[in-house]
N, C-alpha and C. Protein backbone atom coordinates (compact mmCIF):
# COMPACT_ATOMS: atom_id res chain seq x y z
N GLN A 1 15.08 -14.95 42.41
CA GLN A 1 16.14 -15.36 42.20
C GLN A 1 16.66 -16.10 41.26
N VAL A 2 17.79 -16.02 40.68
CA VAL A 2 18.40 -16.44 39.25
C VAL A 2 19.75 -17.14 39.66
N GLN A 3 19.96 -18.01 38.85
CA GLN A 3 20.86 -19.05 39.15
C GLN A 3 21.33 -19.01 37.53
N LEU A 4 23.18 -18.51 37.48
CA LEU A 4 23.95 -18.25 36.17
C LEU A 4 24.92 -19.41 36.21
N VAL A 5 25.09 -20.42 35.01
CA VAL A 5 26.12 -21.33 35.11
C VAL A 5 26.89 -21.48 33.78
N GLU A 6 28.05 -20.85 33.68
CA GLU A 6 28.60 -20.90 32.63
C GLU A 6 29.29 -22.33 32.14
N SER A 7 29.67 -22.46 30.93
CA SER A 7 30.24 -23.85 30.58
C SER A 7 30.74 -23.44 29.24
N GLY A 8 31.80 -24.26 28.81
CA GLY A 8 32.30 -24.04 27.07
C GLY A 8 33.65 -23.67 27.04
N GLY A 9 34.00 -23.32 28.19
CA GLY A 9 35.67 -22.45 28.11
C GLY A 9 36.79 -23.47 27.75
N GLY A 10 38.10 -23.20 27.38
CA GLY A 10 38.69 -24.06 27.34
C GLY A 10 39.95 -23.59 26.50
N SER A 11 41.11 -24.24 25.93
CA SER A 11 42.19 -23.80 25.37
C SER A 11 42.10 -23.97 23.98
N VAL A 12 42.71 -22.67 23.06
CA VAL A 12 42.61 -23.14 21.94
C VAL A 12 43.62 -22.00 21.38
N GLN A 13 44.11 -22.15 20.28
CA GLN A 13 45.18 -21.33 19.35
C GLN A 13 44.82 -20.28 19.12
N ALA A 14 45.55 -19.19 19.04
CA ALA A 14 45.35 -17.79 18.35
C ALA A 14 44.71 -18.17 16.83
N GLY A 15 43.67 -17.53 16.60
CA GLY A 15 43.24 -17.69 15.44
C GLY A 15 41.82 -18.46 15.51
N GLY A 16 41.77 -19.34 16.41
CA GLY A 16 40.98 -20.29 16.66
C GLY A 16 39.55 -19.73 17.16
N SER A 17 38.45 -20.99 17.59
CA SER A 17 37.24 -20.27 18.03
C SER A 17 37.08 -21.06 18.99
N LEU A 18 36.06 -20.66 19.80
CA LEU A 18 35.21 -21.15 21.09
C LEU A 18 33.97 -20.57 21.11
N ARG A 19 32.87 -21.52 21.65
CA ARG A 19 31.62 -21.10 22.06
C ARG A 19 31.58 -21.04 23.67
N VAL A 20 30.97 -20.03 24.67
CA VAL A 20 30.84 -20.49 25.82
C VAL A 20 29.30 -20.05 26.02
N SER A 21 28.52 -20.51 26.93
CA SER A 21 27.28 -20.65 27.11
C SER A 21 26.96 -20.36 28.53
N CYS A 22 26.06 -20.03 28.79
CA CYS A 22 25.30 -19.35 30.27
C CYS A 22 24.03 -20.07 30.45
N ALA A 23 23.84 -21.10 31.44
CA ALA A 23 22.10 -21.59 31.50
C ALA A 23 21.71 -20.72 32.40
N ALA A 24 20.51 -20.36 32.28
CA ALA A 24 19.83 -19.40 33.28
C ALA A 24 18.66 -19.83 33.91
N SER A 25 18.45 -20.34 35.19
CA SER A 25 17.36 -20.62 35.75
C SER A 25 16.73 -19.67 37.08
N GLY A 26 15.40 -19.72 36.83
CA GLY A 26 15.08 -18.90 37.88
C GLY A 26 13.54 -17.89 37.61
N SER A 27 12.92 -17.32 37.78
CA SER A 27 11.43 -16.99 37.39
C SER A 27 12.05 -15.52 36.65
N THR A 28 11.46 -15.55 35.46
CA THR A 28 11.71 -14.31 34.82
C THR A 28 12.79 -13.70 34.37
N HIS A 29 13.78 -14.28 34.33
CA HIS A 29 15.41 -14.26 34.07
C HIS A 29 15.20 -13.84 32.87
N MET A 30 14.58 -14.14 31.71
CA MET A 30 14.88 -13.78 30.07
C MET A 30 13.83 -12.18 29.77
N ARG A 31 13.53 -11.62 30.90
CA ARG A 31 13.24 -10.51 30.75
C ARG A 31 14.25 -9.50 30.99
N TYR A 32 15.31 -9.84 31.64
CA TYR A 32 16.53 -9.13 31.99
C TYR A 32 17.39 -8.83 30.78
N CYS A 33 18.24 -7.85 30.88
CA CYS A 33 19.51 -7.62 30.16
C CYS A 33 20.05 -8.59 30.50
N MET A 34 21.17 -9.28 29.68
CA MET A 34 22.01 -10.18 29.87
C MET A 34 23.45 -9.74 29.45
N ALA A 35 24.81 -10.29 29.86
CA ALA A 35 25.59 -9.84 29.47
C ALA A 35 27.00 -10.63 29.70
N TRP A 36 28.14 -10.53 28.82
CA TRP A 36 29.28 -11.20 29.28
C TRP A 36 30.47 -10.08 29.39
N PHE A 37 31.06 -10.49 30.91
CA PHE A 37 32.00 -9.82 30.93
C PHE A 37 33.50 -10.83 31.44
N ARG A 38 34.63 -10.35 31.23
CA ARG A 38 35.79 -11.05 31.32
C ARG A 38 37.04 -10.67 32.40
N GLN A 39 37.76 -11.38 33.05
CA GLN A 39 39.03 -10.79 33.66
C GLN A 39 40.05 -11.65 33.69
N THR A 40 40.91 -10.79 33.67
CA THR A 40 42.16 -11.63 33.70
C THR A 40 42.93 -11.48 34.98
N PRO A 41 43.60 -12.73 35.75
CA PRO A 41 44.40 -12.27 36.83
C PRO A 41 44.96 -10.74 37.32
N GLY A 42 44.75 -10.28 38.39
CA GLY A 42 45.40 -9.10 38.61
C GLY A 42 44.52 -7.95 37.70
N GLY A 43 43.83 -8.41 36.83
CA GLY A 43 42.91 -7.28 36.05
C GLY A 43 41.46 -6.82 36.36
N GLU A 44 41.45 -5.74 36.18
CA GLU A 44 39.90 -5.73 36.38
C GLU A 44 38.70 -6.15 35.31
N ARG A 45 37.67 -6.26 35.76
CA ARG A 45 36.41 -6.99 35.10
C ARG A 45 36.24 -5.94 33.81
N GLU A 46 35.99 -6.51 32.85
CA GLU A 46 35.69 -5.43 31.67
C GLU A 46 34.28 -5.93 31.09
N GLY A 47 33.50 -5.16 30.14
CA GLY A 47 32.41 -5.81 29.68
C GLY A 47 33.00 -5.79 28.28
N VAL A 48 32.38 -7.15 28.12
CA VAL A 48 32.34 -7.77 26.57
C VAL A 48 31.15 -7.77 25.68
N ALA A 49 30.03 -7.82 25.99
CA ALA A 49 28.79 -7.82 25.32
C ALA A 49 27.92 -8.19 25.65
N THR A 50 26.51 -7.21 25.49
CA THR A 50 25.30 -7.13 25.95
C THR A 50 24.29 -7.42 25.07
N ILE A 51 22.91 -7.98 25.65
CA ILE A 51 21.70 -8.28 24.63
C ILE A 51 20.71 -7.90 25.80
N ASP A 52 19.77 -7.69 25.20
CA ASP A 52 18.68 -7.08 25.82
C ASP A 52 17.42 -8.34 25.59
N SER A 53 16.17 -7.97 25.78
CA SER A 53 15.14 -9.19 25.91
C SER A 53 14.70 -9.17 24.51
N GLN A 54 14.85 -8.01 23.72
CA GLN A 54 14.23 -8.00 22.23
C GLN A 54 15.53 -8.52 21.39
N GLY A 55 16.49 -8.82 21.69
CA GLY A 55 17.74 -9.27 21.12
C GLY A 55 18.92 -8.21 20.62
N GLY A 56 18.53 -6.79 21.07
CA GLY A 56 19.43 -5.94 20.79
C GLY A 56 21.05 -5.97 21.53
N LYS A 57 21.77 -6.09 20.64
CA LYS A 57 23.48 -5.88 21.11
C LYS A 57 24.34 -5.13 20.85
N LYS A 58 25.31 -5.05 21.82
CA LYS A 58 26.21 -4.05 22.29
C LYS A 58 27.89 -4.91 22.33
N TYR A 59 28.65 -4.59 21.21
CA TYR A 59 30.17 -4.88 21.90
C TYR A 59 31.27 -4.16 22.30
N ALA A 60 32.25 -4.72 23.01
CA ALA A 60 32.84 -3.91 23.20
C ALA A 60 33.95 -3.72 22.14
N ASP A 61 35.01 -2.45 21.74
CA ASP A 61 35.41 -2.42 20.73
C ASP A 61 36.44 -3.56 20.54
N SER A 62 36.76 -4.30 21.31
CA SER A 62 37.97 -5.04 21.38
C SER A 62 37.74 -6.38 20.71
N VAL A 63 36.09 -6.24 20.55
CA VAL A 63 35.79 -7.66 20.17
C VAL A 63 35.02 -7.52 19.00
N LYS A 64 34.69 -6.28 18.45
CA LYS A 64 33.88 -6.20 17.37
C LYS A 64 34.14 -7.09 15.88
N GLY A 65 33.07 -7.78 15.30
CA GLY A 65 33.62 -8.28 14.34
C GLY A 65 33.84 -9.64 14.70
N ARG A 66 34.28 -10.06 15.73
CA ARG A 66 34.67 -11.29 16.08
C ARG A 66 33.85 -12.16 16.95
N PHE A 67 33.30 -11.43 18.07
CA PHE A 67 32.61 -12.26 18.68
C PHE A 67 30.96 -11.81 18.68
N THR A 68 30.36 -12.97 18.81
CA THR A 68 28.75 -13.02 18.99
C THR A 68 27.98 -13.37 19.83
N VAL A 69 27.16 -12.52 20.21
CA VAL A 69 26.21 -12.62 21.34
C VAL A 69 25.32 -13.17 21.07
N SER A 70 24.50 -14.03 21.85
CA SER A 70 22.99 -14.32 21.10
C SER A 70 22.26 -15.04 22.45
N ARG A 71 20.72 -15.15 22.61
CA ARG A 71 20.27 -15.66 23.49
C ARG A 71 19.24 -16.53 23.08
N ASP A 72 18.31 -17.68 23.94
CA ASP A 72 17.61 -18.58 23.48
C ASP A 72 16.47 -18.14 24.35
N HIS A 73 15.34 -17.85 24.40
CA HIS A 73 14.40 -17.69 25.33
C HIS A 73 13.96 -18.83 25.65
N ALA A 74 13.67 -19.77 24.80
CA ALA A 74 13.01 -21.01 25.14
C ALA A 74 14.23 -21.83 25.79
N GLN A 75 15.47 -22.12 25.56
CA GLN A 75 16.37 -22.94 26.23
C GLN A 75 17.11 -21.87 27.49
N ALA A 76 16.60 -21.00 27.56
CA ALA A 76 16.91 -20.14 29.07
C ALA A 76 18.68 -19.85 28.72
N THR A 77 19.15 -19.65 27.67
CA THR A 77 20.47 -19.74 27.64
C THR A 77 21.32 -18.54 27.21
N LEU A 78 22.76 -18.22 27.51
CA LEU A 78 22.81 -16.78 26.67
C LEU A 78 24.32 -17.49 25.89
N ASP A 79 24.44 -17.30 24.85
CA ASP A 79 26.03 -17.95 24.10
C ASP A 79 26.93 -16.67 23.86
N LEU A 80 28.16 -17.12 23.95
CA LEU A 80 29.11 -16.15 23.12
C LEU A 80 30.08 -16.76 22.58
N GLU A 81 29.70 -16.67 20.60
CA GLU A 81 30.63 -17.19 20.01
C GLU A 81 31.52 -16.48 19.87
N MET A 82 32.88 -17.11 19.82
CA MET A 82 34.12 -16.36 19.57
C MET A 82 35.06 -16.89 18.86
N ASN A 83 35.28 -15.81 17.49
CA ASN A 83 36.13 -16.22 16.54
C ASN A 83 37.44 -15.60 16.38
N SER A 84 38.31 -15.82 15.71
CA SER A 84 39.54 -15.16 15.39
C SER A 84 40.27 -14.62 16.85
N LEU A 85 40.16 -15.79 17.67
CA LEU A 85 40.77 -15.39 19.43
C LEU A 85 42.40 -15.28 19.27
N LYS A 86 42.41 -13.94 19.95
CA LYS A 86 43.93 -13.38 20.39
C LYS A 86 44.26 -13.81 21.87
N PRO A 87 45.73 -14.23 22.31
CA PRO A 87 45.95 -14.08 23.16
C PRO A 87 45.40 -13.27 24.16
N GLU A 88 45.35 -12.15 23.70
CA GLU A 88 44.65 -10.90 24.87
C GLU A 88 43.30 -11.12 25.16
N ASP A 89 42.71 -12.40 24.56
CA ASP A 89 41.50 -12.74 24.77
C ASP A 89 41.20 -13.44 26.07
N THR A 90 42.13 -14.04 26.63
CA THR A 90 42.67 -15.19 27.45
C THR A 90 41.86 -14.36 29.09
N ALA A 91 40.99 -14.93 29.45
CA ALA A 91 40.68 -14.44 30.55
C ALA A 91 39.61 -15.55 31.43
N MET A 92 39.09 -15.31 32.46
CA MET A 92 37.96 -15.69 32.87
C MET A 92 36.46 -15.02 32.73
N TYR A 93 35.89 -15.89 31.86
CA TYR A 93 34.62 -15.20 31.42
C TYR A 93 33.45 -15.42 32.26
N TYR A 94 32.47 -13.98 32.49
CA TYR A 94 31.23 -14.23 33.20
C TYR A 94 29.96 -13.84 33.03
N CYS A 95 28.99 -14.69 32.97
CA CYS A 95 28.11 -14.16 32.59
C CYS A 95 27.06 -13.44 33.67
N ALA A 96 26.08 -12.54 33.20
CA ALA A 96 25.37 -11.74 34.09
C ALA A 96 24.35 -11.28 33.78
N ALA A 97 23.34 -11.06 34.81
CA ALA A 97 22.19 -10.74 34.02
C ALA A 97 21.40 -9.76 35.36
N ASP A 98 20.37 -8.80 34.83
CA ASP A 98 19.87 -8.24 35.65
C ASP A 98 20.32 -6.33 36.32
N LEU A 99 19.84 -5.61 35.49
CA LEU A 99 19.87 -4.33 35.83
C LEU A 99 19.04 -3.32 36.53
N PRO A 100 19.30 -2.49 37.24
CA PRO A 100 17.88 -1.79 37.79
C PRO A 100 17.23 -0.79 36.64
N PRO A 101 15.96 -0.50 36.54
CA PRO A 101 15.45 -0.23 35.49
C PRO A 101 16.17 1.24 35.13
N TRP A 102 16.83 2.04 35.97
CA TRP A 102 17.53 3.06 35.18
C TRP A 102 18.52 3.13 34.21
N VAL A 103 19.14 1.85 34.10
CA VAL A 103 20.16 1.38 33.25
C VAL A 103 19.65 0.75 32.10
N THR A 104 20.36 1.53 31.00
CA THR A 104 19.76 0.71 29.64
C THR A 104 21.00 -0.40 29.39
N CYS A 105 20.22 -1.44 29.17
CA CYS A 105 21.47 -2.51 28.54
C CYS A 105 22.34 -2.09 27.41
N SER A 106 21.88 -1.31 26.50
CA SER A 106 23.06 -0.85 25.86
C SER A 106 24.10 -0.08 26.05
N GLY A 107 23.67 0.46 27.54
CA GLY A 107 24.59 1.28 28.11
C GLY A 107 25.54 0.68 29.09
N ALA A 108 25.40 -1.10 29.34
CA ALA A 108 25.86 -1.40 30.57
C ALA A 108 27.21 -2.03 30.37
N LEU A 109 27.82 -1.96 29.55
CA LEU A 109 29.18 -2.66 29.28
C LEU A 109 29.88 -2.24 30.40
N ALA A 110 29.86 -0.74 30.89
CA ALA A 110 30.82 -0.47 31.81
C ALA A 110 29.89 -0.32 33.27
N ARG A 111 28.67 -1.09 33.37
CA ARG A 111 28.04 -0.77 34.43
C ARG A 111 27.98 -2.07 35.42
N ILE A 112 29.41 -2.64 35.48
CA ILE A 112 29.44 -3.80 35.90
C ILE A 112 28.87 -3.90 37.43
N ALA A 113 28.91 -3.33 38.11
CA ALA A 113 28.54 -3.10 39.64
C ALA A 113 26.89 -3.05 39.87
N ASP A 114 26.30 -2.88 38.82
CA ASP A 114 24.63 -2.87 38.31
C ASP A 114 24.17 -4.21 38.09
N PHE A 115 24.95 -4.81 37.62
CA PHE A 115 24.42 -6.28 37.21
C PHE A 115 24.14 -7.05 38.78
N GLY A 116 23.01 -7.67 38.88
CA GLY A 116 22.44 -8.07 40.05
C GLY A 116 22.87 -9.64 40.46
N TRP A 117 23.08 -10.80 38.98
CA TRP A 117 23.35 -11.87 39.11
C TRP A 117 24.40 -12.03 38.43
N TRP A 118 25.42 -13.10 38.63
CA TRP A 118 26.72 -13.40 38.29
C TRP A 118 26.77 -14.88 38.07
N GLY A 119 27.61 -15.78 37.12
CA GLY A 119 27.77 -16.88 37.13
C GLY A 119 29.06 -17.09 37.80
N GLN A 120 29.31 -18.00 37.64
CA GLN A 120 30.67 -18.33 38.57
C GLN A 120 32.34 -18.30 37.75
N GLY A 121 31.87 -18.21 36.32
CA GLY A 121 32.88 -18.15 35.33
C GLY A 121 33.09 -19.23 34.89
N THR A 122 33.88 -19.27 33.46
CA THR A 122 34.54 -20.27 32.74
C THR A 122 35.92 -19.86 31.91
N GLN A 123 36.69 -20.52 32.41
CA GLN A 123 38.10 -19.87 31.63
C GLN A 123 38.42 -19.94 30.47
N VAL A 124 38.78 -19.07 29.60
CA VAL A 124 39.28 -19.02 27.94
C VAL A 124 40.95 -18.80 27.90
N THR A 125 41.84 -19.79 27.51
CA THR A 125 43.02 -19.55 27.16
C THR A 125 43.16 -19.64 25.72
N VAL A 126 43.80 -18.46 25.11
CA VAL A 126 44.45 -18.67 23.82
C VAL A 126 45.95 -18.62 23.81
N SER A 127 46.58 -19.36 23.11
CA SER A 127 47.95 -19.36 23.29
C SER A 127 48.49 -19.22 21.67
């Protein structure tokens, strides 16, 4: 069992920066692919970034060059540094982990239903 808890959301003006974090607890969680997703009210949940256990990363086209995903195995944390924020980045941001073995981490941005563990989300608002 893995527990994921997000933090660090908030409100910022367009062009600003925010960092959201996810604290993971539970056995062997750092073996897993971890990811950030986001969802607007009434919208579908979409993949933002994935990172595998070796640090391999994949980003959605909409955030490439602006967002950076990282993980710290010792601290058991997953971070998302968001720069040059736009109003369209406004959403609830969710941390997720654990994929079945037949799904690659790099191909997991669209595999929302395959992730086994989810956090409760943290709100990011850009105005």
